[in-house]
Amino acid sequence: MRCSWESGHRCPVNETINMETPTPEVNRIQAQTTTTTTTTTGPLLIARNLSAFERPRAGDPSELIRDRFLCQGGSVLLCGGTGLGKSSLAVQLPAQFALGLGDFGINPVRPLKSLIIQAENDDGDIAEFRDGAFAGYGYNSTQVKQIAEFVVLHTEVKHRGSEFCRAVLDPLAKHHKPELVWIDHALAYYKGDASAQLGVGNFLRESLQPVLTAHKLGCFILHHSPKPSDRRVSWSDRDFSYMGMGSVEWANWARAV
């Protein structure tokens, strides 16, 4: 399934985590991802029979967003122009999800814990995002307390590329054990030319994906759309799938756009 979307908060908990080496699970998955050689005793990888696959049953613990829109290890690319409110949304939806509630037709299967990693907004901006969302939804004190327990935020302005995944995302996920991670935004943490398919693919598939898989995370990654062009006068649903700036790999990797 692939969908196309058109188009405040000081975190109650914002801890500094000591940078650690990747967990053994991340190392194992990275090794499986990058190794394609064979051993002297036979093939390293073994394929599964098509008949071995089963449809998910009701209550599948890997499902995060209803109707399997997002499951553990999956990803959503949230695209939009500058100033449209992507960062506000990345505070608003985690708050709703913390209560087991949804918005915009996006509904969690249960209350979900979220880790937000962002680079653009200062503490005052985040507090405004949070307060705006809390006032708009009319949360009571019990709901505010639950959100404080389920949503954490870390501001990261130093590490990019594979170092971001290894030294930031992996230890934060290990410590806080979230079910969702919100990355705000893609270009803040991708180190390279956003149009270079090889570089983007390496970052998403070899650095980011093994961490998501190891920690069973669903990922919402915010991304900018390209500058407006007068050459395009209409958009189809398929066109919206590729509205993220840069390589087609951004859309190809994601579960939904």
Protein backbone atom coordinates (compact mmCIF):
# COMPACT_ATOMS: atom_id res chain seq x y z
CA MET A 1 0.00 0.00 0.00
CA ARG A 2 1.34 3.42 -0.94
CA CYS A 3 -0.56 6.60 -0.15
CA SER A 4 -0.02 10.25 -1.06
CA TRP A 5 -0.77 13.11 1.26
CA GLU A 6 -1.33 16.77 0.47
CA SER A 7 -0.95 19.19 2.34
CA GLY A 8 3.19 23.43 20.10
CA HIS A 9 6.29 22.05 22.36
CA ARG A 10 8.85 21.91 25.02
CA CYS A 11 9.20 18.25 25.61
CA PRO A 12 8.43 17.10 29.17
CA VAL A 13 11.44 14.81 28.98
CA ASN A 14 14.62 15.81 27.15
CA GLU A 15 17.52 13.76 28.41
CA THR A 16 21.09 13.74 27.25
CA ILE A 17 22.10 10.21 26.34
CA ASN A 18 25.70 9.07 26.34
CA MET A 19 26.77 8.12 22.83
CA GLU A 20 27.18 4.37 22.65
CA THR A 21 28.31 1.82 20.15
CA PRO A 22 25.53 0.16 18.13
CA THR A 23 23.65 -2.62 19.86
CA PRO A 24 24.49 -6.22 18.86
CA GLU A 25 21.09 -6.47 17.15
CA VAL A 26 21.91 -3.49 14.88
CA ASN A 27 25.30 -4.99 14.04
CA ARG A 28 23.65 -8.30 13.22
CA ILE A 29 21.08 -6.76 10.89
CA GLN A 30 23.67 -4.56 9.20
CA ALA A 31 25.81 -7.64 8.59
CA GLN A 32 22.88 -9.48 7.07
CA THR A 33 22.04 -6.47 4.92
CA THR A 34 25.50 -5.92 3.49
CA THR A 35 26.87 -9.46 3.24
CA THR A 36 26.25 -11.26 -0.04
CA THR A 37 29.04 -13.83 -0.06
CA THR A 38 28.72 -17.58 0.44
CA THR A 39 30.40 -19.81 2.97
CA THR A 40 32.30 -23.04 2.36
CA THR A 41 29.37 -25.00 3.79
CA GLY A 42 26.68 -23.50 1.56
CA PRO A 43 24.67 -20.36 0.90
CA LEU A 44 24.72 -17.71 3.63
CA LEU A 45 21.08 -16.76 2.99
CA ILE A 46 18.14 -19.14 2.72
CA ALA A 47 14.91 -18.11 0.97
CA ARG A 48 11.45 -19.00 2.27
CA ASN A 49 8.80 -20.92 0.39
CA LEU A 50 5.94 -18.72 -0.80
CA SER A 51 3.50 -20.96 1.07
CA ALA A 52 5.26 -20.14 4.36
CA PHE A 53 3.87 -16.60 4.50
CA GLU A 54 0.71 -15.97 6.54
CA ARG A 55 -1.71 -13.07 6.56
CA PRO A 56 -1.49 -11.03 9.80
CA ARG A 57 -4.13 -11.93 12.35
CA ALA A 58 -6.23 -9.55 14.44
CA GLY A 59 -4.14 -8.04 17.20
CA ASP A 60 -0.88 -8.39 15.27
CA PRO A 61 1.68 -6.74 17.62
CA SER A 62 3.73 -5.44 14.69
CA GLU A 63 0.88 -3.20 13.51
CA LEU A 64 1.27 0.42 14.65
CA ILE A 65 -1.13 2.46 12.49
CA ARG A 66 -4.49 0.89 11.69
CA ASP A 67 -5.13 -1.20 8.60
CA ARG A 68 -1.39 -1.91 8.48
CA PHE A 69 -0.68 1.56 7.13
CA LEU A 70 2.49 1.45 9.24
CA CYS A 71 4.07 -1.55 10.96
CA GLN A 72 7.28 -2.11 12.88
CA GLY A 73 10.28 -1.38 10.66
CA GLY A 74 8.15 0.60 8.21
CA SER A 75 8.39 4.26 7.30
CA VAL A 76 6.30 7.23 6.18
CA LEU A 77 7.74 10.19 4.26
CA LEU A 78 5.92 13.40 5.22
CA CYS A 79 6.55 15.95 2.46
CA GLY A 80 5.70 19.63 2.30
CA GLY A 81 7.04 23.07 1.57
CA THR A 82 8.81 25.30 4.07
CA GLY A 83 6.48 26.83 6.65
CA LEU A 84 3.51 24.52 6.07
CA GLY A 85 3.63 23.09 9.59
CA LYS A 86 5.55 19.82 9.30
CA SER A 87 7.31 20.39 12.63
CA SER A 88 4.03 21.27 14.34
CA LEU A 89 2.51 18.07 12.96
CA ALA A 90 5.47 16.10 14.34
CA VAL A 91 4.43 17.23 17.84
CA GLN A 92 0.67 17.13 17.33
CA LEU A 93 0.40 13.56 16.06
CA PRO A 94 2.73 12.00 18.67
CA ALA A 95 0.58 13.62 21.38
CA GLN A 96 -2.57 12.11 19.89
CA PHE A 97 -0.93 8.74 19.37
CA ALA A 98 0.19 8.72 23.01
CA LEU A 99 -3.48 8.64 23.98
CA GLY A 100 -4.40 6.03 21.40
CA LEU A 101 -6.14 8.73 19.34
CA GLY A 102 -5.60 9.79 15.75
CA ASP A 103 -6.20 12.67 13.37
CA PHE A 104 -6.44 13.21 9.61
CA GLY A 105 -7.67 9.63 9.31
CA ILE A 106 -4.38 8.27 10.72
CA ASN A 107 -5.20 6.13 13.75
CA PRO A 108 -2.90 4.13 16.03
CA VAL A 109 -3.86 0.64 17.11
CA ARG A 110 -3.05 1.47 20.75
CA PRO A 111 -1.34 4.25 22.72
CA LEU A 112 2.14 4.56 21.19
CA LYS A 113 5.41 5.90 22.58
CA SER A 114 7.21 8.39 20.34
CA LEU A 115 10.76 9.70 20.10
CA ILE A 116 11.09 13.00 18.22
CA ILE A 117 14.54 13.97 16.89
CA GLN A 118 14.68 17.47 15.45
CA ALA A 119 17.23 20.06 14.37
CA GLU A 120 15.41 23.25 13.38
CA ASN A 121 13.39 24.55 16.32
CA ASP A 122 14.50 26.06 19.62
CA ASP A 123 12.87 25.35 22.98
CA GLY A 124 10.44 28.24 22.60
CA ASP A 125 9.25 27.00 19.21
CA ILE A 126 8.67 23.52 20.58
CA ALA A 127 6.76 24.89 23.57
CA GLU A 128 4.50 26.83 21.21
CA PHE A 129 3.85 23.73 19.11
CA ARG A 130 2.98 21.77 22.25
CA ASP A 131 0.75 24.41 23.79
CA GLY A 132 -1.09 24.97 20.53
CA ALA A 133 -1.80 21.26 20.14
CA PHE A 134 -2.82 20.83 23.78
CA ALA A 135 -5.20 23.80 23.63
CA GLY A 136 -6.64 22.76 20.28
CA TYR A 137 -7.42 19.24 21.45
CA GLY A 138 -8.51 20.35 24.91
CA TYR A 139 -6.51 17.78 26.85
CA ASN A 140 -7.24 17.33 30.55
CA SER A 141 -4.56 16.91 33.22
CA THR A 142 -4.65 13.11 33.04
CA GLN A 143 -4.10 13.18 29.28
CA VAL A 144 -1.26 15.70 29.60
CA LYS A 145 0.44 13.43 32.13
CA GLN A 146 0.18 10.42 29.82
CA ILE A 147 1.61 12.40 26.90
CA ALA A 148 4.54 13.42 29.09
CA GLU A 149 5.25 9.74 29.74
CA PHE A 150 4.84 8.66 26.12
CA VAL A 151 6.56 11.43 24.13
CA VAL A 152 10.22 12.44 24.37
CA LEU A 153 12.20 14.85 22.22
CA HIS A 154 15.89 15.24 21.47
CA THR A 155 17.46 18.15 19.60
CA GLU A 156 20.44 16.98 17.50
CA VAL A 157 22.55 19.42 15.52
CA LYS A 158 25.92 17.64 15.37
CA HIS A 159 25.68 14.18 13.85
CA ARG A 160 24.62 13.44 10.27
CA GLY A 161 24.62 10.49 7.91
CA SER A 162 25.58 7.10 9.26
CA GLU A 163 26.91 8.74 12.44
CA PHE A 164 23.42 10.03 13.17
CA CYS A 165 22.02 6.51 13.00
CA ARG A 166 24.87 4.94 14.95
CA ALA A 167 25.58 7.55 17.62
CA VAL A 168 22.18 9.20 18.08
CA LEU A 169 19.18 7.16 16.94
CA ASP A 170 20.42 3.76 18.10
CA PRO A 171 21.30 4.74 21.71
CA LEU A 172 18.19 6.91 22.09
CA ALA A 173 15.99 4.05 20.90
CA LYS A 174 17.78 1.64 23.21
CA HIS A 175 17.27 3.94 26.21
CA HIS A 176 13.71 5.20 25.68
CA LYS A 177 12.27 2.16 23.86
CA PRO A 178 9.81 4.09 21.67
CA GLU A 179 7.52 2.52 19.11
CA LEU A 180 7.69 5.46 16.70
CA VAL A 181 10.52 7.79 15.75
CA TRP A 182 9.90 11.18 14.13
CA ILE A 183 12.88 12.60 12.23
CA ASP A 184 12.60 16.35 11.61
CA HIS A 185 13.87 16.68 9.00
CA ALA A 186 15.53 14.43 6.39
CA LEU A 187 18.03 16.95 5.05
CA ALA A 188 19.21 17.83 8.55
CA TYR A 189 20.47 14.28 9.02
CA TYR A 190 21.29 13.09 5.51
CA LYS A 191 24.87 14.00 4.66
CA GLY A 192 25.22 14.41 0.91
CA ASP A 193 23.43 15.35 -2.28
CA ALA A 194 19.71 14.70 -1.82
CA SER A 195 19.45 13.93 -5.55
CA ALA A 196 22.19 11.29 -5.55
CA GLN A 197 20.46 7.91 -5.65
CA LEU A 198 23.47 5.97 -4.38
CA GLY A 199 24.05 8.23 -1.39
CA VAL A 200 20.39 8.47 -0.43
CA GLY A 201 19.93 4.72 -0.82
CA ASN A 202 22.97 3.96 1.31
CA PHE A 203 21.73 6.25 4.09
CA LEU A 204 18.16 4.98 4.12
CA ARG A 205 18.74 1.30 3.44
CA GLU A 206 22.14 0.58 5.02
CA SER A 207 22.29 3.06 7.92
CA LEU A 208 18.74 3.99 8.96
CA GLN A 209 16.75 0.85 8.14
CA PRO A 210 18.86 -1.57 10.23
CA VAL A 211 18.25 0.59 13.32
CA LEU A 212 14.52 0.75 12.65
CA THR A 213 14.43 -3.02 12.19
CA ALA A 214 16.55 -3.77 15.25
CA HIS A 215 14.38 -1.67 17.56
CA LYS A 216 11.07 -2.51 15.82
CA LEU A 217 10.43 1.16 15.14
CA GLY A 218 7.93 2.78 12.85
CA CYS A 219 9.43 5.92 11.31
CA PHE A 220 7.93 9.22 10.22
CA ILE A 221 10.59 11.23 8.39
CA LEU A 222 9.84 14.82 7.42
CA HIS A 223 11.10 15.99 4.05
CA HIS A 224 10.87 19.15 1.98
CA SER A 225 9.19 19.35 -1.40
CA PRO A 226 11.12 21.02 -4.24
CA LYS A 227 10.75 24.66 -5.17
CA PRO A 228 7.53 25.41 -7.10
CA SER A 229 7.76 25.01 -10.85
CA ASP A 230 5.45 26.55 -13.45
CA ARG A 231 6.19 23.63 -15.76
CA ARG A 232 3.74 21.38 -13.87
CA VAL A 233 0.14 22.52 -14.13
CA SER A 234 -1.58 19.48 -12.59
CA TRP A 235 -0.77 16.63 -10.23
CA SER A 236 -2.02 13.07 -10.21
CA ASP A 237 -1.99 10.75 -7.20
CA ARG A 238 1.11 9.10 -8.59
CA ASP A 239 2.84 12.46 -8.90
CA PHE A 240 2.29 13.17 -5.20
CA SER A 241 4.14 9.95 -4.36
CA TYR A 242 7.31 11.60 -5.67
CA MET A 243 6.89 15.09 -4.24
CA GLY A 244 9.92 14.81 -1.94
CA MET A 245 12.91 16.85 -3.07
CA GLY A 246 15.77 14.88 -4.60
CA SER A 247 16.24 11.27 -5.56
CA VAL A 248 13.33 8.94 -6.25
CA GLU A 249 14.89 6.74 -3.57
CA TRP A 250 13.24 8.83 -0.84
CA ALA A 251 9.83 7.66 -2.09
CA ASN A 252 10.88 4.15 -3.12
CA TRP A 253 12.23 3.37 0.36
CA ALA A 254 9.24 4.66 2.29
CA ARG A 255 6.14 2.59 2.93
CA ALA A 256 3.93 5.62 2.29
CA VAL A 257 4.33 9.22 1.15
